[in-house]
Amino acid sequence: MSAKKTIHEHFLNNGLKLIIKEDHRAPVAIMQVWYKVGSSYEANGITGISHALEHMMFRGSKEYGDTQYDEIITENGGQSNAFTSQDYTVYHQFMANDKLEICFKLEADRMHQLSLKEQDFKKEISVVMEERYMSIDDSPEHRAYERFAAMAHVSSPYRHSIIGWMDDLKQMTVADLRQWYQTWYTPNNAIVVVVGDVVPKQIQQWTKKYFGSIKPRFVPAVKPQNEVLPLGTRTVTVKVPAKLPWLVLGYNTPVLKTVAKDRKWEPYALSIMSGILGLNSSSRLQKNIVRKKQIASSAYTTYTPFDRLDNLLTLGLTPVDMRSVEECKTALLLEVKNLQTTLVSSEELDRVKIAWVAAKIFGKDSLFNQAYEIGMLECVGLSWSDTDRNTIKKIQSITPQQIKEVALKYLTPERLTIGILEPLEIKANVA
């Protein structure tokens, strides 16, 4: 059955967008509510506010008390959670299909009737600060990456971590959250995605019943905030107590949303190139640096073409004992040079393409992944229908010459930021 027959789009009069995807393999469904706001929307001084508001969305509304939301979902056999990213905030529930109406009632209620009480905020912001301490401040690699990202993104809001800077969290008030909530949590800035064993007409009726009466509000226009032209290699060295050093190289690169219209193939070529370097155990970094040269215990690459703004292609590794960061950096740069000077073999290219396409196809086995792909594409300004239909075709069309071309164009010293974790001695606690 084609996507056109199994996926349905609808708009309410208040601007809410509804996307339904039928998957009748089991009597369950997932509902996700996507708000087009995340850390990249935040100004200096209020970093982390999108994530803090996500926490407060579970602390009660005018109709439901604190903790009642999770209790209702659990009592009905469901699971609920949420997450904040750079470009969106998402709330999701996994339920038996005959209980799904409960999710619509709860999500519509907290879309416009959130309590945001002072006493709840004080408790929750403490939880957020502790989360920041555990996930970043107490993690040498994460602290190093946070400083690396702040240097790699000169003008882009991607320079801020999603959880925010600690001082901003300390200065945050519940009034700040109320303003953020009133600005962005409105039906005309939200997308409801439902995937599973559902009847589309029933989902439409529930959406209109619970969300239809919520009045829309003005949503501020968001500036593009693309990264300024890089002008030279930047290096940041982070010195914190740690057991091992760490190295990351990041190159400023475009994404599908920002690349020129006649160069839409480039992000797909960058995706394949990232896979050639670090997709799995057969990729070049693992084969050449970890196993052959044995100078790193692990190595990886990251890149996604599906962001709202220009982002990074990164290469990272952890050196083994007695091997220097400088030696490892030289090895990574050699792998980059090889991509720029020698065409990738058709066998290596096909192997990465097959793995990339297989991962996309196997992802269809998860209702969450199916819903996530739809909502994510819509929130970054891409059409789920065009992108979903064309991604595999675009990936399969990439040639060795195109890989070499994007390597020469984007993996340059001018676009490079180097992040180094230089370990300091870990002092034992004295009783």
Foldseek 3Di string as FASTA:
>chain_A
DDQVVFWDWDAFPQQAIEIEGEDEPDQKKKKKKKFFDFQQQDDPLQGQLVVLLQLLLQQDFPVGHHNRVQVVQVVQPKDWDWDGDNTITMIMMMHRNVPCLVVLQSVLRSLPTRDLDQVVSVVSLVVLLVVCCVPAVVDLVNVLVLCLLLVLFPFGSSNADRNGDNVSSVPDGSVVSVVVSVATSFSSRMYMYMYYNDDVVVVVVSNCVRNNPTHGDDHDDDDLRAGDQFAFEAEDEAEEADDFKKKKKKWWFAACQPDDPVPNLQLLLVVLLQCQQAVDCPHDCNVPPCPPVVQFVDKHWDDDRQALYTDIIMIMTIGDPPHDPVVVVVVVVVVLVCLQPDFDDPVSSVVSLVVVVVVVVVLVVDSVSVRCLCSSCVSSPHHSVVCVVCVNVSNVPDGSVSNNVSSVVIVDRSRMYMGMYDHDHDDDDDD
